Amino acid sequence: VRSDREKSFPLEVLRAGLTLELEKAQASMEEDRRHILNCIAGRPLDAEPLAEDPSYHRVNQTLRGIFAVAGWRQAVERDIV
């Protein structure tokens, strides 16, 4: 059950997810990072990624929302919020 999985999700991971900035994230291969950022920004994959782009902000907000929803029950049950 989904709520059972959410109960055991590490709070440290949830906290990191709530402040996620994908444009500052690392990848095991720099080429992967470049491709991901350029794909999000709608640029040629092999171009130098932009430091900032409105698309990054939209993806960051979406991912943070997913983490917030996933951690809400746990935070309420632990009286964190």
PDB file of N, CA and C in Angstrom:
ATOM      1  N   VAL A   1       0.846  -1.181   0.000  1.00  0.00           N
ATOM      2  CA  VAL A   1       0.000   0.000   0.000  1.00  0.00           C
ATOM      3  C   VAL A   1       0.888   1.241   0.000  1.00  0.00           C
ATOM      4  N   ARG A   2       0.479   2.245  -0.733  1.00  0.00           N
ATOM      5  CA  ARG A   2       1.281   3.454  -0.900  1.00  0.00           C
ATOM      6  C   ARG A   2       1.591   4.134   0.430  1.00  0.00           C
ATOM      7  N   SER A   3       0.597   4.279   1.305  1.00  0.00           N
ATOM      8  CA  SER A   3       0.843   4.969   2.574  1.00  0.00           C
ATOM      9  C   SER A   3       1.843   4.211   3.438  1.00  0.00           C
ATOM     10  N   ASP A   4       1.891   2.893   3.327  1.00  0.00           N
ATOM     11  CA  ASP A   4       2.895   2.116   4.067  1.00  0.00           C
ATOM     12  C   ASP A   4       4.298   2.425   3.564  1.00  0.00           C
ATOM     13  N   ARG A   5       4.454   2.562   2.254  1.00  0.00           N
ATOM     14  CA  ARG A   5       5.759   2.921   1.684  1.00  0.00           C
ATOM     15  C   ARG A   5       6.175   4.313   2.125  1.00  0.00           C
ATOM     16  N   GLU A   6       5.216   5.240   2.134  1.00  0.00           N
ATOM     17  CA  GLU A   6       5.521   6.621   2.495  1.00  0.00           C
ATOM     18  C   GLU A   6       5.946   6.746   3.956  1.00  0.00           C
ATOM     19  N   LYS A   7       5.397   5.893   4.828  1.00  0.00           N
ATOM     20  CA  LYS A   7       5.739   5.956   6.253  1.00  0.00           C
ATOM     21  C   LYS A   7       7.213   5.698   6.495  1.00  0.00           C
ATOM     22  N   SER A   8       7.814   4.860   5.688  1.00  0.00           N
ATOM     23  CA  SER A   8       9.205   4.487   5.916  1.00  0.00           C
ATOM     24  C   SER A   8      10.186   5.277   5.047  1.00  0.00           C
ATOM     25  N   PHE A   9       9.678   6.234   4.286  1.00  0.00           N
ATOM     26  CA  PHE A   9      10.555   7.015   3.413  1.00  0.00           C
ATOM     27  C   PHE A   9      11.435   7.911   4.277  1.00  0.00           C
ATOM     28  N   PRO A  10      12.744   7.898   4.069  1.00  0.00           N
ATOM     29  CA  PRO A  10      13.658   8.670   4.926  1.00  0.00           C
ATOM     30  C   PRO A  10      13.383  10.182   4.874  1.00  0.00           C
ATOM     31  N   LEU A  11      13.251  10.779   6.038  1.00  0.00           N
ATOM     32  CA  LEU A  11      12.987  12.209   6.108  1.00  0.00           C
ATOM     33  C   LEU A  11      14.098  13.040   5.481  1.00  0.00           C
ATOM     34  N   GLU A  12      15.328  12.577   5.555  1.00  0.00           N
ATOM     35  CA  GLU A  12      16.442  13.318   4.957  1.00  0.00           C
ATOM     36  C   GLU A  12      16.263  13.434   3.451  1.00  0.00           C
ATOM     37  N   VAL A  13      15.774  12.366   2.841  1.00  0.00           N
ATOM     38  CA  VAL A  13      15.541  12.379   1.393  1.00  0.00           C
ATOM     39  C   VAL A  13      14.395  13.327   1.068  1.00  0.00           C
ATOM     40  N   LEU A  14      13.350  13.303   1.897  1.00  0.00           N
ATOM     41  CA  LEU A  14      12.228  14.214   1.684  1.00  0.00           C
ATOM     42  C   LEU A  14      12.682  15.668   1.802  1.00  0.00           C
ATOM     43  N   ARG A  15      13.471  15.964   2.806  1.00  0.00           N
ATOM     44  CA  ARG A  15      13.969  17.337   2.977  1.00  0.00           C
ATOM     45  C   ARG A  15      14.789  17.777   1.761  1.00  0.00           C
ATOM     46  N   ALA A  16      15.646  16.902   1.291  1.00  0.00           N
ATOM     47  CA  ALA A  16      16.452  17.228   0.108  1.00  0.00           C
ATOM     48  C   ALA A  16      15.551  17.445  -1.108  1.00  0.00           C
ATOM     49  N   GLY A  17      14.524  16.644  -1.241  1.00  0.00           N
ATOM     50  CA  GLY A  17      13.603  16.777  -2.362  1.00  0.00           C
ATOM     51  C   GLY A  17      12.824  18.073  -2.344  1.00  0.00           C
ATOM     52  N   LEU A  18      12.567  18.605  -1.159  1.00  0.00           N
ATOM     53  CA  LEU A  18      11.808  19.848  -1.037  1.00  0.00           C
ATOM     54  C   LEU A  18      12.628  21.079  -1.411  1.00  0.00           C
ATOM     55  N   THR A  19      13.934  20.937  -1.460  1.00  0.00           N
ATOM     56  CA  THR A  19      14.804  22.063  -1.816  1.00  0.00           C
ATOM     57  C   THR A  19      15.591  21.789  -3.101  1.00  0.00           C
ATOM     58  N   LEU A  20      15.160  20.797  -3.820  1.00  0.00           N
ATOM     59  CA  LEU A  20      15.817  20.348  -5.043  1.00  0.00           C
ATOM     60  C   LEU A  20      16.034  21.478  -6.046  1.00  0.00           C
ATOM     61  N   GLU A  21      17.236  21.532  -6.593  1.00  0.00           N
ATOM     62  CA  GLU A  21      17.568  22.422  -7.708  1.00  0.00           C
ATOM     63  C   GLU A  21      18.288  21.572  -8.740  1.00  0.00           C
ATOM     64  N   LEU A  22      17.534  21.030  -9.664  1.00  0.00           N
ATOM     65  CA  LEU A  22      18.101  20.047 -10.588  1.00  0.00           C
ATOM     66  C   LEU A  22      19.253  20.606 -11.402  1.00  0.00           C
ATOM     67  N   GLU A  23      19.257  21.910 -11.654  1.00  0.00           N
ATOM     68  CA  GLU A  23      20.344  22.500 -12.439  1.00  0.00           C
ATOM     69  C   GLU A  23      21.670  22.463 -11.683  1.00  0.00           C
ATOM     70  N   LYS A  24      21.623  22.253 -10.377  1.00  0.00           N
ATOM     71  CA  LYS A  24      22.840  22.156  -9.570  1.00  0.00           C
ATOM     72  C   LYS A  24      23.196  20.713  -9.229  1.00  0.00           C
ATOM     73  N   ALA A  25      22.378  19.783  -9.658  1.00  0.00           N
ATOM     74  CA  ALA A  25      22.593  18.369  -9.344  1.00  0.00           C
ATOM     75  C   ALA A  25      23.749  17.792 -10.157  1.00  0.00           C
ATOM     76  N   GLN A  26      24.284  16.714  -9.657  1.00  0.00           N
ATOM     77  CA  GLN A  26      25.355  16.012 -10.346  1.00  0.00           C
ATOM     78  C   GLN A  26      24.796  14.726 -10.944  1.00  0.00           C
ATOM     79  N   ALA A  27      25.477  14.225 -11.926  1.00  0.00           N
ATOM     80  CA  ALA A  27      25.150  12.932 -12.533  1.00  0.00           C
ATOM     81  C   ALA A  27      26.436  12.121 -12.567  1.00  0.00           C
ATOM     82  N   SER A  28      26.291  10.816 -12.648  1.00  0.00           N
ATOM     83  CA  SER A  28      27.493   9.980 -12.680  1.00  0.00           C
ATOM     84  C   SER A  28      28.322  10.267 -13.936  1.00  0.00           C
ATOM     85  N   MET A  29      27.672  10.703 -14.982  1.00  0.00           N
ATOM     86  CA  MET A  29      28.353  11.075 -16.226  1.00  0.00           C
ATOM     87  C   MET A  29      27.962  12.519 -16.560  1.00  0.00           C
ATOM     88  N   GLU A  30      28.920  13.401 -16.745  1.00  0.00           N
ATOM     89  CA  GLU A  30      28.635  14.799 -17.065  1.00  0.00           C
ATOM     90  C   GLU A  30      27.810  14.921 -18.343  1.00  0.00           C
ATOM     91  N   GLU A  31      28.047  14.021 -19.274  1.00  0.00           N
ATOM     92  CA  GLU A  31      27.279  14.021 -20.517  1.00  0.00           C
ATOM     93  C   GLU A  31      25.787  13.819 -20.234  1.00  0.00           C
ATOM     94  N   ASP A  32      25.452  12.939 -19.287  1.00  0.00           N
ATOM     95  CA  ASP A  32      24.051  12.715 -18.915  1.00  0.00           C
ATOM     96  C   ASP A  32      23.441  13.987 -18.340  1.00  0.00           C
ATOM     97  N   ARG A  33      24.178  14.645 -17.459  1.00  0.00           N
ATOM     98  CA  ARG A  33      23.697  15.895 -16.861  1.00  0.00           C
ATOM     99  C   ARG A  33      23.413  16.929 -17.957  1.00  0.00           C
ATOM    100  N   ARG A  34      24.343  17.087 -18.867  1.00  0.00           N
ATOM    101  CA  ARG A  34      24.202  18.039 -19.968  1.00  0.00           C
ATOM    102  C   ARG A  34      22.963  17.705 -20.807  1.00  0.00           C
ATOM    103  N   HIS A  35      22.792  16.440 -21.146  1.00  0.00           N
ATOM    104  CA  HIS A  35      21.649  16.032 -21.955  1.00  0.00           C
ATOM    105  C   HIS A  35      20.330  16.274 -21.228  1.00  0.00           C
ATOM    106  N   ILE A  36      20.278  15.941 -19.944  1.00  0.00           N
ATOM    107  CA  ILE A  36      19.043  16.125 -19.175  1.00  0.00           C
ATOM    108  C   ILE A  36      18.664  17.600 -19.103  1.00  0.00           C
ATOM    109  N   LEU A  37      19.624  18.446 -18.740  1.00  0.00           N
ATOM    110  CA  LEU A  37      19.320  19.874 -18.626  1.00  0.00           C
ATOM    111  C   LEU A  37      18.926  20.470 -19.970  1.00  0.00           C
ATOM    112  N   ASN A  38      19.618  20.098 -21.017  1.00  0.00           N
ATOM    113  CA  ASN A  38      19.289  20.622 -22.339  1.00  0.00           C
ATOM    114  C   ASN A  38      17.946  20.103 -22.841  1.00  0.00           C
ATOM    115  N   CYS A  39      17.626  18.880 -22.534  1.00  0.00           N
ATOM    116  CA  CYS A  39      16.324  18.328 -22.911  1.00  0.00           C
ATOM    117  C   CYS A  39      15.217  19.115 -22.219  1.00  0.00           C
ATOM    118  N   ILE A  40      15.372  19.376 -20.930  1.00  0.00           N
ATOM    119  CA  ILE A  40      14.378  20.149 -20.175  1.00  0.00           C
ATOM    120  C   ILE A  40      14.230  21.550 -20.749  1.00  0.00           C
ATOM    121  N   ALA A  41      15.348  22.166 -21.139  1.00  0.00           N
ATOM    122  CA  ALA A  41      15.333  23.536 -21.659  1.00  0.00           C
ATOM    123  C   ALA A  41      14.985  23.608 -23.145  1.00  0.00           C
ATOM    124  N   GLY A  42      14.840  22.447 -23.794  1.00  0.00           N
ATOM    125  CA  GLY A  42      14.499  22.440 -25.216  1.00  0.00           C
ATOM    126  C   GLY A  42      15.645  22.893 -26.105  1.00  0.00           C
ATOM    127  N   ARG A  43      16.865  22.550 -25.699  1.00  0.00           N
ATOM    128  CA  ARG A  43      18.063  22.962 -26.436  1.00  0.00           C
ATOM    129  C   ARG A  43      18.735  21.729 -27.040  1.00  0.00           C
ATOM    130  N   PRO A  44      19.661  21.931 -27.976  1.00  0.00           N
ATOM    131  CA  PRO A  44      20.414  20.791 -28.516  1.00  0.00           C
ATOM    132  C   PRO A  44      21.122  20.047 -27.373  1.00  0.00           C
ATOM    133  N   LEU A  45      21.049  18.745 -27.382  1.00  0.00           N
ATOM    134  CA  LEU A  45      21.555  17.945 -26.269  1.00  0.00           C
ATOM    135  C   LEU A  45      23.024  18.172 -25.954  1.00  0.00           C
ATOM    136  N   ASP A  46      23.836  18.396 -26.962  1.00  0.00           N
ATOM    137  CA  ASP A  46      25.272  18.534 -26.729  1.00  0.00           C
ATOM    138  C   ASP A  46      25.724  19.963 -26.464  1.00  0.00           C
ATOM    139  N   ALA A  47      24.778  20.914 -26.412  1.00  0.00           N
ATOM    140  CA  ALA A  47      25.132  22.307 -26.106  1.00  0.00           C
ATOM    141  C   ALA A  47      25.540  22.415 -24.639  1.00  0.00           C
ATOM    142  N   GLU A  48      26.253  23.470 -24.329  1.00  0.00           N
ATOM    143  CA  GLU A  48      26.587  23.745 -22.931  1.00  0.00           C
ATOM    144  C   GLU A  48      25.277  24.112 -22.213  1.00  0.00           C
ATOM    145  N   PRO A  49      24.950  23.446 -21.112  1.00  0.00           N
ATOM    146  CA  PRO A  49      23.677  23.753 -20.443  1.00  0.00           C
ATOM    147  C   PRO A  49      23.664  25.170 -19.870  1.00  0.00           C
ATOM    148  N   LEU A  50      22.498  25.759 -19.861  1.00  0.00           N
ATOM    149  CA  LEU A  50      22.320  27.075 -19.275  1.00  0.00           C
ATOM    150  C   LEU A  50      22.392  26.984 -17.756  1.00  0.00           C
ATOM    151  N   ALA A  51      22.906  28.033 -17.123  1.00  0.00           N
ATOM    152  CA  ALA A  51      22.947  28.060 -15.657  1.00  0.00           C
ATOM    153  C   ALA A  51      21.535  28.182 -15.091  1.00  0.00           C
ATOM    154  N   GLU A  52      20.675  28.919 -15.795  1.00  0.00           N
ATOM    155  CA  GLU A  52      19.292  29.111 -15.372  1.00  0.00           C
ATOM    156  C   GLU A  52      18.387  29.043 -16.587  1.00  0.00           C
ATOM    157  N   ASP A  53      17.177  28.571 -16.370  1.00  0.00           N
ATOM    158  CA  ASP A  53      16.181  28.528 -17.432  1.00  0.00           C
ATOM    159  C   ASP A  53      14.819  28.398 -16.763  1.00  0.00           C
ATOM    160  N   PRO A  54      13.793  29.070 -17.272  1.00  0.00           N
ATOM    161  CA  PRO A  54      12.455  28.935 -16.675  1.00  0.00           C
ATOM    162  C   PRO A  54      11.965  27.485 -16.630  1.00  0.00           C
ATOM    163  N   SER A  55      12.410  26.681 -17.569  1.00  0.00           N
ATOM    164  CA  SER A  55      12.010  25.266 -17.579  1.00  0.00           C
ATOM    165  C   SER A  55      12.561  24.529 -16.363  1.00  0.00           C
ATOM    166  N   TYR A  56      13.769  24.875 -15.936  1.00  0.00           N
ATOM    167  CA  TYR A  56      14.334  24.258 -14.736  1.00  0.00           C
ATOM    168  C   TYR A  56      13.441  24.559 -13.540  1.00  0.00           C
ATOM    169  N   HIS A  57      13.013  25.811 -13.447  1.00  0.00           N
ATOM    170  CA  HIS A  57      12.164  26.224 -12.330  1.00  0.00           C
ATOM    171  C   HIS A  57      10.863  25.416 -12.311  1.00  0.00           C
ATOM    172  N   ARG A  58      10.245  25.245 -13.475  1.00  0.00           N
ATOM    173  CA  ARG A  58       8.989  24.481 -13.550  1.00  0.00           C
ATOM    174  C   ARG A  58       9.208  23.036 -13.118  1.00  0.00           C
ATOM    175  N   VAL A  59      10.282  22.416 -13.573  1.00  0.00           N
ATOM    176  CA  VAL A  59      10.551  21.026 -13.200  1.00  0.00           C
ATOM    177  C   VAL A  59      10.876  20.941 -11.701  1.00  0.00           C
ATOM    178  N   ASN A  60      11.658  21.882 -11.195  1.00  0.00           N
ATOM    179  CA  ASN A  60      11.962  21.901  -9.758  1.00  0.00           C
ATOM    180  C   ASN A  60      10.681  21.978  -8.938  1.00  0.00           C
ATOM    181  N   GLN A  61       9.768  22.865  -9.323  1.00  0.00           N
ATOM    182  CA  GLN A  61       8.510  23.024  -8.583  1.00  0.00           C
ATOM    183  C   GLN A  61       7.689  21.737  -8.630  1.00  0.00           C
ATOM    184  N   THR A  62       7.641  21.111  -9.780  1.00  0.00           N
ATOM    185  CA  THR A  62       6.888  19.864  -9.920  1.00  0.00           C
ATOM    186  C   THR A  62       7.478  18.771  -9.036  1.00  0.00           C
ATOM    187  N   LEU A  63       8.793  18.608  -9.095  1.00  0.00           N
ATOM    188  CA  LEU A  63       9.441  17.572  -8.285  1.00  0.00           C
ATOM    189  C   LEU A  63       9.292  17.853  -6.791  1.00  0.00           C
ATOM    190  N   ARG A  64       9.423  19.105  -6.392  1.00  0.00           N
ATOM    191  CA  ARG A  64       9.239  19.458  -4.980  1.00  0.00           C
ATOM    192  C   ARG A  64       7.824  19.132  -4.526  1.00  0.00           C
ATOM    193  N   GLY A  65       6.855  19.373  -5.395  1.00  0.00           N
ATOM    194  CA  GLY A  65       5.465  19.035  -5.072  1.00  0.00           C
ATOM    195  C   GLY A  65       5.273  17.543  -4.864  1.00  0.00           C
ATOM    196  N   ILE A  66       5.911  16.756  -5.684  1.00  0.00           N
ATOM    197  CA  ILE A  66       5.818  15.297  -5.538  1.00  0.00           C
ATOM    198  C   ILE A  66       6.399  14.867  -4.197  1.00  0.00           C
ATOM    199  N   PHE A  67       7.551  15.428  -3.829  1.00  0.00           N
ATOM    200  CA  PHE A  67       8.141  15.107  -2.535  1.00  0.00           C
ATOM    201  C   PHE A  67       7.255  15.576  -1.386  1.00  0.00           C
ATOM    202  N   ALA A  68       6.652  16.750  -1.524  1.00  0.00           N
ATOM    203  CA  ALA A  68       5.789  17.285  -0.468  1.00  0.00           C
ATOM    204  C   ALA A  68       4.594  16.371  -0.239  1.00  0.00           C
ATOM    205  N   VAL A  69       3.961  15.938  -1.309  1.00  0.00           N
ATOM    206  CA  VAL A  69       2.814  15.041  -1.182  1.00  0.00           C
ATOM    207  C   VAL A  69       3.245  13.711  -0.574  1.00  0.00           C
ATOM    208  N   ALA A  70       4.379  13.198  -1.025  1.00  0.00           N
ATOM    209  CA  ALA A  70       4.856  11.909  -0.519  1.00  0.00           C
ATOM    210  C   ALA A  70       5.179  11.962   0.972  1.00  0.00           C
ATOM    211  N   GLY A  71       5.649  13.104   1.455  1.00  0.00           N
ATOM    212  CA  GLY A  71       6.056  13.190   2.849  1.00  0.00           C
ATOM    213  C   GLY A  71       5.036  13.779   3.793  1.00  0.00           C
ATOM    214  N   TRP A  72       3.916  14.267   3.255  1.00  0.00           N
ATOM    215  CA  TRP A  72       2.951  14.975   4.096  1.00  0.00           C
ATOM    216  C   TRP A  72       2.420  14.110   5.239  1.00  0.00           C
ATOM    217  N   ARG A  73       1.948  12.918   4.928  1.00  0.00           N
ATOM    218  CA  ARG A  73       1.376  12.045   5.963  1.00  0.00           C
ATOM    219  C   ARG A  73       2.404  11.771   7.059  1.00  0.00           C
ATOM    220  N   GLN A  74       3.615  11.441   6.661  1.00  0.00           N
ATOM    221  CA  GLN A  74       4.679  11.149   7.626  1.00  0.00           C
ATOM    222  C   GLN A  74       4.955  12.367   8.510  1.00  0.00           C
ATOM    223  N   ALA A  75       4.997  13.544   7.906  1.00  0.00           N
ATOM    224  CA  ALA A  75       5.258  14.763   8.666  1.00  0.00           C
ATOM    225  C   ALA A  75       4.132  15.040   9.664  1.00  0.00           C
ATOM    226  N   VAL A  76       2.897  14.832   9.260  1.00  0.00           N
ATOM    227  CA  VAL A  76       1.759  15.041  10.163  1.00  0.00           C
ATOM    228  C   VAL A  76       1.807  14.021  11.308  1.00  0.00           C
ATOM    229  N   GLU A  77       2.019  12.769  10.967  1.00  0.00           N
ATOM    230  CA  GLU A  77       2.064  11.728  11.996  1.00  0.00           C
ATOM    231  C   GLU A  77       3.188  11.918  12.990  1.00  0.00           C
ATOM    232  N   ARG A  78       4.287  12.523  12.560  1.00  0.00           N
ATOM    233  CA  ARG A  78       5.425  12.777  13.459  1.00  0.00           C
ATOM    234  C   ARG A  78       5.342  14.156  14.096  1.00  0.00           C
ATOM    235  N   ASP A  79       4.234  14.853  13.840  1.00  0.00           N
ATOM    236  CA  ASP A  79       4.006  16.195  14.400  1.00  0.00           C
ATOM    237  C   ASP A  79       5.106  17.178  14.013  1.00  0.00           C
ATOM    238  N   ILE A  80       5.548  17.066  12.761  1.00  0.00           N
ATOM    239  CA  ILE A  80       6.590  17.962  12.238  1.00  0.00           C
ATOM    240  C   ILE A  80       5.949  19.212  11.664  1.00  0.00           C
ATOM    241  N   VAL A  81       4.725  19.088  11.181  1.00  0.00           N
ATOM    242  CA  VAL A  81       4.008  20.251  10.632  1.00  0.00           C
ATOM    243  C   VAL A  81       2.802  20.556  11.468  1.00  0.00           C
TER     244      VAL A  81
END
